[in-house]
Amino acid sequence: MKTLPMLLCSLFLAPLAAGAADAETEHRLARLEAEVRHLQARIQLLEDERRHYSRFNTDTLHVCRINAFTRTYEGESSHPGLARRQAQKACERENDAMFCRTENIRCNRY
């Protein structure tokens, strides 16, 4: 006789628990879909930027330099961001990062 009330109770509570799980799942799905849309927009922006640089700046060379102590480190690329990063990485190979800050990098376009 004790099992009948337990059975009835579990039959009554099962749909409530399933409903809560469904609501949580819906919330997670909505959040993930929003994140996917954000990432798709970011990918599109990066692809557009890449197309812009490859279409118009194929003949352009960016040369970036950074001085640390008595040495000058250089990076060059058709993309200004890559040239800056190359110069910074070259500096960081021999110096601490605090001497190779991005605000100390100077670039020229040829």
PDB file of N, CA and C in Angstrom:
ATOM      1  N   MET A   1       0.807  -1.187   0.000  1.00  0.00           N
ATOM      2  CA  MET A   1       0.000   0.000   0.000  1.00  0.00           C
ATOM      3  C   MET A   1       0.857   1.261   0.000  1.00  0.00           C
ATOM      4  N   LYS A   2       2.072   1.163   0.608  1.00  0.00           N
ATOM      5  CA  LYS A   2       2.946   2.321   0.642  1.00  0.00           C
ATOM      6  C   LYS A   2       3.477   2.672  -0.744  1.00  0.00           C
ATOM      7  N   THR A   3       3.596   1.710  -1.588  1.00  0.00           N
ATOM      8  CA  THR A   3       4.150   1.968  -2.912  1.00  0.00           C
ATOM      9  C   THR A   3       3.186   2.735  -3.802  1.00  0.00           C
ATOM     10  N   LEU A   4       1.891   2.606  -3.573  1.00  0.00           N
ATOM     11  CA  LEU A   4       0.919   3.317  -4.399  1.00  0.00           C
ATOM     12  C   LEU A   4       1.048   4.835  -4.247  1.00  0.00           C
ATOM     13  N   PRO A   5       1.119   5.390  -3.037  1.00  0.00           N
ATOM     14  CA  PRO A   5       1.310   6.843  -2.926  1.00  0.00           C
ATOM     15  C   PRO A   5       2.644   7.301  -3.520  1.00  0.00           C
ATOM     16  N   MET A   6       3.690   6.495  -3.358  1.00  0.00           N
ATOM     17  CA  MET A   6       4.993   6.846  -3.931  1.00  0.00           C
ATOM     18  C   MET A   6       4.911   6.862  -5.447  1.00  0.00           C
ATOM     19  N   LEU A   7       4.210   5.889  -6.013  1.00  0.00           N
ATOM     20  CA  LEU A   7       4.042   5.810  -7.457  1.00  0.00           C
ATOM     21  C   LEU A   7       3.255   7.005  -7.970  1.00  0.00           C
ATOM     22  N   LEU A   8       2.160   7.333  -7.279  1.00  0.00           N
ATOM     23  CA  LEU A   8       1.352   8.484  -7.683  1.00  0.00           C
ATOM     24  C   LEU A   8       2.149   9.782  -7.571  1.00  0.00           C
ATOM     25  N   CYS A   9       2.926   9.897  -6.526  1.00  0.00           N
ATOM     26  CA  CYS A   9       3.749  11.091  -6.332  1.00  0.00           C
ATOM     27  C   CYS A   9       4.784  11.226  -7.448  1.00  0.00           C
ATOM     28  N   SER A  10       5.433  10.128  -7.782  1.00  0.00           N
ATOM     29  CA  SER A  10       6.441  10.182  -8.841  1.00  0.00           C
ATOM     30  C   SER A  10       5.806  10.456 -10.196  1.00  0.00           C
ATOM     31  N   LEU A  11       4.616   9.930 -10.440  1.00  0.00           N
ATOM     32  CA  LEU A  11       3.922  10.207 -11.695  1.00  0.00           C
ATOM     33  C   LEU A  11       3.515  11.675 -11.793  1.00  0.00           C
ATOM     34  N   PHE A  12       3.209  12.277 -10.666  1.00  0.00           N
ATOM     35  CA  PHE A  12       2.814  13.681 -10.650  1.00  0.00           C
ATOM     36  C   PHE A  12       4.027  14.608 -10.816  1.00  0.00           C
ATOM     37  N   LEU A  13       5.160  14.244 -10.190  1.00  0.00           N
ATOM     38  CA  LEU A  13       6.341  15.105 -10.217  1.00  0.00           C
ATOM     39  C   LEU A  13       7.185  14.941 -11.477  1.00  0.00           C
ATOM     40  N   ALA A  14       7.082  13.827 -12.157  1.00  0.00           N
ATOM     41  CA  ALA A  14       7.893  13.580 -13.346  1.00  0.00           C
ATOM     42  C   ALA A  14       7.681  14.641 -14.424  1.00  0.00           C
ATOM     43  N   PRO A  15       6.441  15.003 -14.771  1.00  0.00           N
ATOM     44  CA  PRO A  15       6.268  16.044 -15.790  1.00  0.00           C
ATOM     45  C   PRO A  15       6.812  17.404 -15.346  1.00  0.00           C
ATOM     46  N   LEU A  16       6.743  17.705 -14.051  1.00  0.00           N
ATOM     47  CA  LEU A  16       7.283  18.977 -13.572  1.00  0.00           C
ATOM     48  C   LEU A  16       8.795  19.024 -13.740  1.00  0.00           C
ATOM     49  N   ALA A  17       9.463  17.934 -13.409  1.00  0.00           N
ATOM     50  CA  ALA A  17      10.914  17.873 -13.559  1.00  0.00           C
ATOM     51  C   ALA A  17      11.298  17.940 -15.032  1.00  0.00           C
ATOM     52  N   ALA A  18      10.538  17.268 -15.876  1.00  0.00           N
ATOM     53  CA  ALA A  18      10.812  17.305 -17.311  1.00  0.00           C
ATOM     54  C   ALA A  18      10.607  18.710 -17.858  1.00  0.00           C
ATOM     55  N   GLY A  19       9.594  19.402 -17.367  1.00  0.00           N
ATOM     56  CA  GLY A  19       9.344  20.773 -17.808  1.00  0.00           C
ATOM     57  C   GLY A  19      10.475  21.705 -17.428  1.00  0.00           C
ATOM     58  N   ALA A  20      11.010  21.541 -16.232  1.00  0.00           N
ATOM     59  CA  ALA A  20      12.136  22.367 -15.792  1.00  0.00           C
ATOM     60  C   ALA A  20      13.372  22.074 -16.633  1.00  0.00           C
ATOM     61  N   ALA A  21      13.598  20.808 -16.932  1.00  0.00           N
ATOM     62  CA  ALA A  21      14.739  20.433 -17.765  1.00  0.00           C
ATOM     63  C   ALA A  21      14.572  20.995 -19.168  1.00  0.00           C
ATOM     64  N   ASP A  22      13.354  20.967 -19.699  1.00  0.00           N
ATOM     65  CA  ASP A  22      13.102  21.523 -21.025  1.00  0.00           C
ATOM     66  C   ASP A  22      13.362  23.020 -21.051  1.00  0.00           C
ATOM     67  N   ALA A  23      12.953  23.722 -20.007  1.00  0.00           N
ATOM     68  CA  ALA A  23      13.177  25.168 -19.944  1.00  0.00           C
ATOM     69  C   ALA A  23      14.670  25.480 -19.886  1.00  0.00           C
ATOM     70  N   GLU A  24      15.407  24.698 -19.113  1.00  0.00           N
ATOM     71  CA  GLU A  24      16.853  24.906 -19.035  1.00  0.00           C
ATOM     72  C   GLU A  24      17.514  24.612 -20.378  1.00  0.00           C
ATOM     73  N   THR A  25      17.064  23.553 -21.033  1.00  0.00           N
ATOM     74  CA  THR A  25      17.601  23.204 -22.347  1.00  0.00           C
ATOM     75  C   THR A  25      17.307  24.303 -23.357  1.00  0.00           C
ATOM     76  N   GLU A  26      16.101  24.829 -23.334  1.00  0.00           N
ATOM     77  CA  GLU A  26      15.737  25.915 -24.247  1.00  0.00           C
ATOM     78  C   GLU A  26      16.613  27.143 -24.003  1.00  0.00           C
ATOM     79  N   HIS A  27      16.856  27.442 -22.740  1.00  0.00           N
ATOM     80  CA  HIS A  27      17.699  28.590 -22.399  1.00  0.00           C
ATOM     81  C   HIS A  27      19.125  28.381 -22.915  1.00  0.00           C
ATOM     82  N   ARG A  28      19.663  27.193 -22.712  1.00  0.00           N
ATOM     83  CA  ARG A  28      21.013  26.886 -23.191  1.00  0.00           C
ATOM     84  C   ARG A  28      21.086  26.949 -24.705  1.00  0.00           C
ATOM     85  N   LEU A  29      20.072  26.415 -25.379  1.00  0.00           N
ATOM     86  CA  LEU A  29      20.050  26.462 -26.842  1.00  0.00           C
ATOM     87  C   LEU A  29      19.995  27.897 -27.351  1.00  0.00           C
ATOM     88  N   ALA A  30      19.170  28.716 -26.736  1.00  0.00           N
ATOM     89  CA  ALA A  30      19.064  30.117 -27.155  1.00  0.00           C
ATOM     90  C   ALA A  30      20.396  30.836 -26.974  1.00  0.00           C
ATOM     91  N   ARG A  31      21.064  30.577 -25.844  1.00  0.00           N
ATOM     92  CA  ARG A  31      22.362  31.205 -25.600  1.00  0.00           C
ATOM     93  C   ARG A  31      23.404  30.737 -26.615  1.00  0.00           C
ATOM     94  N   LEU A  32      23.429  29.437 -26.896  1.00  0.00           N
ATOM     95  CA  LEU A  32      24.384  28.904 -27.866  1.00  0.00           C
ATOM     96  C   LEU A  32      24.119  29.439 -29.264  1.00  0.00           C
ATOM     97  N   GLU A  33      22.854  29.551 -29.640  1.00  0.00           N
ATOM     98  CA  GLU A  33      22.520  30.099 -30.952  1.00  0.00           C
ATOM     99  C   GLU A  33      22.960  31.553 -31.063  1.00  0.00           C
ATOM    100  N   ALA A  34      22.816  32.316 -30.000  1.00  0.00           N
ATOM    101  CA  ALA A  34      23.269  33.711 -30.006  1.00  0.00           C
ATOM    102  C   ALA A  34      24.791  33.778 -30.146  1.00  0.00           C
ATOM    103  N   GLU A  35      25.495  32.897 -29.459  1.00  0.00           N
ATOM    104  CA  GLU A  35      26.951  32.866 -29.563  1.00  0.00           C
ATOM    105  C   GLU A  35      27.390  32.468 -30.966  1.00  0.00           C
ATOM    106  N   VAL A  36      26.699  31.525 -31.589  1.00  0.00           N
ATOM    107  CA  VAL A  36      27.023  31.116 -32.956  1.00  0.00           C
ATOM    108  C   VAL A  36      26.817  32.290 -33.910  1.00  0.00           C
ATOM    109  N   ARG A  37      25.712  33.031 -33.748  1.00  0.00           N
ATOM    110  CA  ARG A  37      25.471  34.197 -34.605  1.00  0.00           C
ATOM    111  C   ARG A  37      26.585  35.230 -34.433  1.00  0.00           C
ATOM    112  N   HIS A  38      27.020  35.443 -33.191  1.00  0.00           N
ATOM    113  CA  HIS A  38      28.105  36.392 -32.928  1.00  0.00           C
ATOM    114  C   HIS A  38      29.400  35.935 -33.612  1.00  0.00           C
ATOM    115  N   LEU A  39      29.716  34.653 -33.502  1.00  0.00           N
ATOM    116  CA  LEU A  39      30.930  34.133 -34.128  1.00  0.00           C
ATOM    117  C   LEU A  39      30.851  34.192 -35.645  1.00  0.00           C
ATOM    118  N   GLN A  40      29.682  33.924 -36.208  1.00  0.00           N
ATOM    119  CA  GLN A  40      29.519  34.024 -37.656  1.00  0.00           C
ATOM    120  C   GLN A  40      29.747  35.454 -38.133  1.00  0.00           C
ATOM    121  N   ALA A  41      29.239  36.417 -37.387  1.00  0.00           N
ATOM    122  CA  ALA A  41      29.450  37.822 -37.750  1.00  0.00           C
ATOM    123  C   ALA A  41      30.929  38.182 -37.658  1.00  0.00           C
ATOM    124  N   ARG A  42      31.608  37.680 -36.645  1.00  0.00           N
ATOM    125  CA  ARG A  42      33.035  37.956 -36.481  1.00  0.00           C
ATOM    126  C   ARG A  42      33.846  37.321 -37.607  1.00  0.00           C
ATOM    127  N   ILE A  43      33.506  36.102 -37.985  1.00  0.00           N
ATOM    128  CA  ILE A  43      34.189  35.432 -39.093  1.00  0.00           C
ATOM    129  C   ILE A  43      33.994  36.218 -40.377  1.00  0.00           C
ATOM    130  N   GLN A  44      32.775  36.676 -40.618  1.00  0.00           N
ATOM    131  CA  GLN A  44      32.498  37.456 -41.821  1.00  0.00           C
ATOM    132  C   GLN A  44      33.332  38.734 -41.840  1.00  0.00           C
ATOM    133  N   LEU A  45      33.433  39.402 -40.704  1.00  0.00           N
ATOM    134  CA  LEU A  45      34.230  40.622 -40.609  1.00  0.00           C
ATOM    135  C   LEU A  45      35.701  40.338 -40.916  1.00  0.00           C
ATOM    136  N   LEU A  46      36.240  39.269 -40.358  1.00  0.00           N
ATOM    137  CA  LEU A  46      37.642  38.919 -40.603  1.00  0.00           C
ATOM    138  C   LEU A  46      37.881  38.524 -42.055  1.00  0.00           C
ATOM    139  N   GLU A  47      36.944  37.791 -42.647  1.00  0.00           N
ATOM    140  CA  GLU A  47      37.089  37.418 -44.052  1.00  0.00           C
ATOM    141  C   GLU A  47      37.018  38.643 -44.953  1.00  0.00           C
ATOM    142  N   ASP A  48      36.129  39.572 -44.644  1.00  0.00           N
ATOM    143  CA  ASP A  48      36.041  40.807 -45.428  1.00  0.00           C
ATOM    144  C   ASP A  48      37.329  41.612 -45.316  1.00  0.00           C
ATOM    145  N   GLU A  49      37.885  41.672 -44.114  1.00  0.00           N
ATOM    146  CA  GLU A  49      39.144  42.392 -43.914  1.00  0.00           C
ATOM    147  C   GLU A  49      40.267  41.739 -44.706  1.00  0.00           C
ATOM    148  N   ARG A  50      40.318  40.425 -44.676  1.00  0.00           N
ATOM    149  CA  ARG A  50      41.360  39.717 -45.425  1.00  0.00           C
ATOM    150  C   ARG A  50      41.229  39.959 -46.918  1.00  0.00           C
ATOM    151  N   ARG A  51      39.988  39.920 -47.425  1.00  0.00           N
ATOM    152  CA  ARG A  51      39.771  40.186 -48.849  1.00  0.00           C
ATOM    153  C   ARG A  51      40.182  41.610 -49.203  1.00  0.00           C
ATOM    154  N   HIS A  52      39.875  42.548 -48.311  1.00  0.00           N
ATOM    155  CA  HIS A  52      40.228  43.947 -48.556  1.00  0.00           C
ATOM    156  C   HIS A  52      41.740  44.101 -48.680  1.00  0.00           C
ATOM    157  N   TYR A  53      42.487  43.530 -47.754  1.00  0.00           N
ATOM    158  CA  TYR A  53      43.936  43.667 -47.794  1.00  0.00           C
ATOM    159  C   TYR A  53      44.543  42.918 -48.966  1.00  0.00           C
ATOM    160  N   SER A  54      44.031  41.755 -49.283  1.00  0.00           N
ATOM    161  CA  SER A  54      44.621  40.992 -50.377  1.00  0.00           C
ATOM    162  C   SER A  54      44.286  41.610 -51.728  1.00  0.00           C
ATOM    163  N   ARG A  55      43.147  42.288 -51.833  1.00  0.00           N
ATOM    164  CA  ARG A  55      42.745  42.884 -53.102  1.00  0.00           C
ATOM    165  C   ARG A  55      43.470  44.195 -53.367  1.00  0.00           C
ATOM    166  N   PHE A  56      43.601  45.033 -52.355  1.00  0.00           N
ATOM    167  CA  PHE A  56      44.115  46.376 -52.575  1.00  0.00           C
ATOM    168  C   PHE A  56      45.561  46.568 -52.147  1.00  0.00           C
ATOM    169  N   ASN A  57      46.073  45.748 -51.304  1.00  0.00           N
ATOM    170  CA  ASN A  57      47.393  45.994 -50.739  1.00  0.00           C
ATOM    171  C   ASN A  57      48.409  44.917 -51.093  1.00  0.00           C
ATOM    172  N   THR A  58      48.259  44.275 -52.230  1.00  0.00           N
ATOM    173  CA  THR A  58      49.212  43.221 -52.569  1.00  0.00           C
ATOM    174  C   THR A  58      50.591  43.794 -52.862  1.00  0.00           C
ATOM    175  N   ASP A  59      50.660  45.043 -53.338  1.00  0.00           N
ATOM    176  CA  ASP A  59      51.949  45.658 -53.635  1.00  0.00           C
ATOM    177  C   ASP A  59      52.490  46.452 -52.455  1.00  0.00           C
ATOM    178  N   THR A  60      51.738  46.554 -51.387  1.00  0.00           N
ATOM    179  CA  THR A  60      52.144  47.339 -50.227  1.00  0.00           C
ATOM    180  C   THR A  60      52.942  46.467 -49.262  1.00  0.00           C
ATOM    181  N   LEU A  61      54.031  47.033 -48.782  1.00  0.00           N
ATOM    182  CA  LEU A  61      54.844  46.339 -47.790  1.00  0.00           C
ATOM    183  C   LEU A  61      54.868  47.186 -46.523  1.00  0.00           C
ATOM    184  N   HIS A  62      54.518  46.582 -45.417  1.00  0.00           N
ATOM    185  CA  HIS A  62      54.559  47.243 -44.113  1.00  0.00           C
ATOM    186  C   HIS A  62      55.804  46.753 -43.386  1.00  0.00           C
ATOM    187  N   VAL A  63      56.617  47.707 -42.967  1.00  0.00           N
ATOM    188  CA  VAL A  63      57.831  47.387 -42.211  1.00  0.00           C
ATOM    189  C   VAL A  63      57.689  48.038 -40.842  1.00  0.00           C
ATOM    190  N   CYS A  64      57.748  47.216 -39.818  1.00  0.00           N
ATOM    191  CA  CYS A  64      57.591  47.705 -38.448  1.00  0.00           C
ATOM    192  C   CYS A  64      58.872  47.442 -37.670  1.00  0.00           C
ATOM    193  N   ARG A  65      59.222  48.420 -36.834  1.00  0.00           N
ATOM    194  CA  ARG A  65      60.451  48.331 -36.046  1.00  0.00           C
ATOM    195  C   ARG A  65      60.152  48.649 -34.588  1.00  0.00           C
ATOM    196  N   ILE A  66      60.915  47.998 -33.731  1.00  0.00           N
ATOM    197  CA  ILE A  66      60.846  48.293 -32.298  1.00  0.00           C
ATOM    198  C   ILE A  66      62.271  48.272 -31.763  1.00  0.00           C
ATOM    199  N   ASN A  67      62.577  49.248 -30.931  1.00  0.00           N
ATOM    200  CA  ASN A  67      63.906  49.345 -30.322  1.00  0.00           C
ATOM    201  C   ASN A  67      63.827  48.904 -28.872  1.00  0.00           C
ATOM    202  N   ALA A  68      64.760  48.060 -28.508  1.00  0.00           N
ATOM    203  CA  ALA A  68      64.909  47.644 -27.112  1.00  0.00           C
ATOM    204  C   ALA A  68      66.395  47.748 -26.783  1.00  0.00           C
ATOM    205  N   PHE A  69      66.695  48.646 -25.892  1.00  0.00           N
ATOM    206  CA  PHE A  69      68.076  48.942 -25.534  1.00  0.00           C
ATOM    207  C   PHE A  69      68.807  49.440 -26.778  1.00  0.00           C
ATOM    208  N   THR A  70      69.826  48.767 -27.242  1.00  0.00           N
ATOM    209  CA  THR A  70      70.573  49.253 -28.410  1.00  0.00           C
ATOM    210  C   THR A  70      70.238  48.488 -29.678  1.00  0.00           C
ATOM    211  N   ARG A  71      69.325  47.562 -29.605  1.00  0.00           N
ATOM    212  CA  ARG A  71      68.978  46.726 -30.761  1.00  0.00           C
ATOM    213  C   ARG A  71      67.664  47.170 -31.378  1.00  0.00           C
ATOM    214  N   THR A  72      67.545  46.986 -32.681  1.00  0.00           N
ATOM    215  CA  THR A  72      66.308  47.257 -33.408  1.00  0.00           C
ATOM    216  C   THR A  72      65.809  45.937 -33.979  1.00  0.00           C
ATOM    217  N   TYR A  73      64.547  45.656 -33.743  1.00  0.00           N
ATOM    218  CA  TYR A  73      63.919  44.427 -34.234  1.00  0.00           C
ATOM    219  C   TYR A  73      62.898  44.819 -35.287  1.00  0.00           C
ATOM    220  N   GLU A  74      62.797  44.001 -36.329  1.00  0.00           N
ATOM    221  CA  GLU A  74      61.989  44.363 -37.482  1.00  0.00           C
ATOM    222  C   GLU A  74      61.047  43.239 -37.873  1.00  0.00           C
ATOM    223  N   GLY A  75      59.931  43.628 -38.448  1.00  0.00           N
ATOM    224  CA  GLY A  75      58.993  42.680 -39.030  1.00  0.00           C
ATOM    225  C   GLY A  75      58.432  43.287 -40.291  1.00  0.00           C
ATOM    226  N   GLU A  76      58.175  42.469 -41.285  1.00  0.00           N
ATOM    227  CA  GLU A  76      57.606  42.999 -42.524  1.00  0.00           C
ATOM    228  C   GLU A  76      56.591  42.034 -43.102  1.00  0.00           C
ATOM    229  N   SER A  77      55.554  42.627 -43.672  1.00  0.00           N
ATOM    230  CA  SER A  77      54.466  41.837 -44.245  1.00  0.00           C
ATOM    231  C   SER A  77      53.601  42.757 -45.097  1.00  0.00           C
ATOM    232  N   SER A  78      52.738  42.167 -45.908  1.00  0.00           N
ATOM    233  CA  SER A  78      51.765  42.969 -46.658  1.00  0.00           C
ATOM    234  C   SER A  78      50.612  43.384 -45.760  1.00  0.00           C
ATOM    235  N   HIS A  79      50.488  42.776 -44.598  1.00  0.00           N
ATOM    236  CA  HIS A  79      49.437  43.114 -43.631  1.00  0.00           C
ATOM    237  C   HIS A  79      50.091  43.823 -42.443  1.00  0.00           C
ATOM    238  N   PRO A  80      49.603  45.012 -42.068  1.00  0.00           N
ATOM    239  CA  PRO A  80      50.261  45.760 -40.990  1.00  0.00           C
ATOM    240  C   PRO A  80      50.257  45.043 -39.642  1.00  0.00           C
ATOM    241  N   GLY A  81      49.200  44.328 -39.348  1.00  0.00           N
ATOM    242  CA  GLY A  81      49.141  43.613 -38.078  1.00  0.00           C
ATOM    243  C   GLY A  81      50.177  42.509 -37.989  1.00  0.00           C
ATOM    244  N   LEU A  82      50.393  41.810 -39.096  1.00  0.00           N
ATOM    245  CA  LEU A  82      51.405  40.749 -39.104  1.00  0.00           C
ATOM    246  C   LEU A  82      52.807  41.326 -38.960  1.00  0.00           C
ATOM    247  N   ALA A  83      53.064  42.447 -39.625  1.00  0.00           N
ATOM    248  CA  ALA A  83      54.383  43.077 -39.516  1.00  0.00           C
ATOM    249  C   ALA A  83      54.651  43.523 -38.081  1.00  0.00           C
ATOM    250  N   ARG A  84      53.640  44.090 -37.433  1.00  0.00           N
ATOM    251  CA  ARG A  84      53.789  44.517 -36.036  1.00  0.00           C
ATOM    252  C   ARG A  84      54.080  43.314 -35.137  1.00  0.00           C
ATOM    253  N   ARG A  85      53.344  42.241 -35.352  1.00  0.00           N
ATOM    254  CA  ARG A  85      53.518  41.053 -34.507  1.00  0.00           C
ATOM    255  C   ARG A  85      54.885  40.414 -34.724  1.00  0.00           C
ATOM    256  N   GLN A  86      55.364  40.394 -35.980  1.00  0.00           N
ATOM    257  CA  GLN A  86      56.686  39.835 -36.255  1.00  0.00           C
ATOM    258  C   GLN A  86      57.774  40.613 -35.521  1.00  0.00           C
ATOM    259  N   ALA A  87      57.676  41.941 -35.567  1.00  0.00           N
ATOM    260  CA  ALA A  87      58.669  42.768 -34.872  1.00  0.00           C
ATOM    261  C   ALA A  87      58.613  42.519 -33.365  1.00  0.00           C
ATOM    262  N   GLN A  88      57.420  42.440 -32.829  1.00  0.00           N
ATOM    263  CA  GLN A  88      57.267  42.224 -31.389  1.00  0.00           C
ATOM    264  C   GLN A  88      57.806  40.852 -30.978  1.00  0.00           C
ATOM    265  N   LYS A  89      57.509  39.825 -31.768  1.00  0.00           N
ATOM    266  CA  LYS A  89      58.004  38.483 -31.439  1.00  0.00           C
ATOM    267  C   LYS A  89      59.526  38.422 -31.506  1.00  0.00           C
ATOM    268  N   ALA A  90      60.115  39.103 -32.506  1.00  0.00           N
ATOM    269  CA  ALA A  90      61.575  39.123 -32.610  1.00  0.00           C
ATOM    270  C   ALA A  90      62.185  39.785 -31.380  1.00  0.00           C
ATOM    271  N   CYS A  91      61.578  40.856 -30.923  1.00  0.00           N
ATOM    272  CA  CYS A  91      62.048  41.550 -29.717  1.00  0.00           C
ATOM    273  C   CYS A  91      61.906  40.657 -28.485  1.00  0.00           C
ATOM    274  N   GLU A  92      60.772  39.983 -28.367  1.00  0.00           N
ATOM    275  CA  GLU A  92      60.509  39.150 -27.189  1.00  0.00           C
ATOM    276  C   GLU A  92      61.393  37.911 -27.118  1.00  0.00           C
ATOM    277  N   ARG A  93      61.958  37.499 -28.257  1.00  0.00           N
ATOM    278  CA  ARG A  93      62.864  36.348 -28.232  1.00  0.00           C
ATOM    279  C   ARG A  93      64.124  36.649 -27.413  1.00  0.00           C
ATOM    280  N   GLU A  94      64.528  37.921 -27.385  1.00  0.00           N
ATOM    281  CA  GLU A  94      65.762  38.282 -26.691  1.00  0.00           C
ATOM    282  C   GLU A  94      65.549  39.160 -25.463  1.00  0.00           C
ATOM    283  N   ASN A  95      64.328  39.665 -25.274  1.00  0.00           N
ATOM    284  CA  ASN A  95      64.067  40.599 -24.173  1.00  0.00           C
ATOM    285  C   ASN A  95      62.781  40.218 -23.459  1.00  0.00           C
ATOM    286  N   ASP A  96      62.617  40.788 -22.285  1.00  0.00           N
ATOM    287  CA  ASP A  96      61.375  40.622 -21.543  1.00  0.00           C
ATOM    288  C   ASP A  96      60.264  41.380 -22.265  1.00  0.00           C
ATOM    289  N   ALA A  97      59.036  40.903 -22.143  1.00  0.00           N
ATOM    290  CA  ALA A  97      57.901  41.497 -22.854  1.00  0.00           C
ATOM    291  C   ALA A  97      57.679  42.960 -22.495  1.00  0.00           C
ATOM    292  N   MET A  98      58.088  43.378 -21.303  1.00  0.00           N
ATOM    293  CA  MET A  98      57.856  44.774 -20.916  1.00  0.00           C
ATOM    294  C   MET A  98      58.702  45.745 -21.737  1.00  0.00           C
ATOM    295  N   PHE A  99      59.749  45.258 -22.402  1.00  0.00           N
ATOM    296  CA  PHE A  99      60.567  46.105 -23.264  1.00  0.00           C
ATOM    297  C   PHE A  99      60.104  46.045 -24.716  1.00  0.00           C
ATOM    298  N   CYS A 100      59.087  45.245 -24.995  1.00  0.00           N
ATOM    299  CA  CYS A 100      58.623  45.025 -26.370  1.00  0.00           C
ATOM    300  C   CYS A 100      57.139  45.347 -26.508  1.00  0.00           C
ATOM    301  N   ARG A 101      56.702  46.413 -25.921  1.00  0.00           N
ATOM    302  CA  ARG A 101      55.278  46.768 -25.935  1.00  0.00           C
ATOM    303  C   ARG A 101      54.856  47.278 -27.306  1.00  0.00           C
ATOM    304  N   THR A 102      53.611  47.024 -27.635  1.00  0.00           N
ATOM    305  CA  THR A 102      53.101  47.408 -28.960  1.00  0.00           C
ATOM    306  C   THR A 102      53.114  48.916 -29.173  1.00  0.00           C
ATOM    307  N   GLU A 103      52.973  49.694 -28.116  1.00  0.00           N
ATOM    308  CA  GLU A 103      52.965  51.151 -28.303  1.00  0.00           C
ATOM    309  C   GLU A 103      54.337  51.693 -28.693  1.00  0.00           C
ATOM    310  N   ASN A 104      55.389  50.877 -28.575  1.00  0.00           N
ATOM    311  CA  ASN A 104      56.735  51.294 -28.970  1.00  0.00           C
ATOM    312  C   ASN A 104      57.069  50.908 -30.408  1.00  0.00           C
ATOM    313  N   ILE A 105      56.160  50.236 -31.078  1.00  0.00           N
ATOM    314  CA  ILE A 105      56.405  49.792 -32.452  1.00  0.00           C
ATOM    315  C   ILE A 105      56.068  50.926 -33.411  1.00  0.00           C
ATOM    316  N   ARG A 106      56.961  51.178 -34.353  1.00  0.00           N
ATOM    317  CA  ARG A 106      56.751  52.189 -35.392  1.00  0.00           C
ATOM    318  C   ARG A 106      56.758  51.488 -36.746  1.00  0.00           C
ATOM    319  N   CYS A 107      55.791  51.839 -37.585  1.00  0.00           N
ATOM    320  CA  CYS A 107      55.643  51.170 -38.877  1.00  0.00           C
ATOM    321  C   CYS A 107      55.693  52.175 -40.023  1.00  0.00           C
ATOM    322  N   ASN A 108      56.219  51.705 -41.134  1.00  0.00           N
ATOM    323  CA  ASN A 108      56.216  52.462 -42.388  1.00  0.00           C
ATOM    324  C   ASN A 108      55.586  51.597 -43.465  1.00  0.00           C
ATOM    325  N   ARG A 109      54.925  52.255 -44.381  1.00  0.00           N
ATOM    326  CA  ARG A 109      54.299  51.534 -45.498  1.00  0.00           C
ATOM    327  C   ARG A 109      55.033  51.917 -46.773  1.00  0.00           C
ATOM    328  N   TYR A 110      55.431  50.926 -47.539  1.00  0.00           N
ATOM    329  CA  TYR A 110      56.154  51.158 -48.790  1.00  0.00           C
ATOM    330  C   TYR A 110      55.368  50.605 -49.953  1.00  0.00           C
TER     331      TYR A 110
END
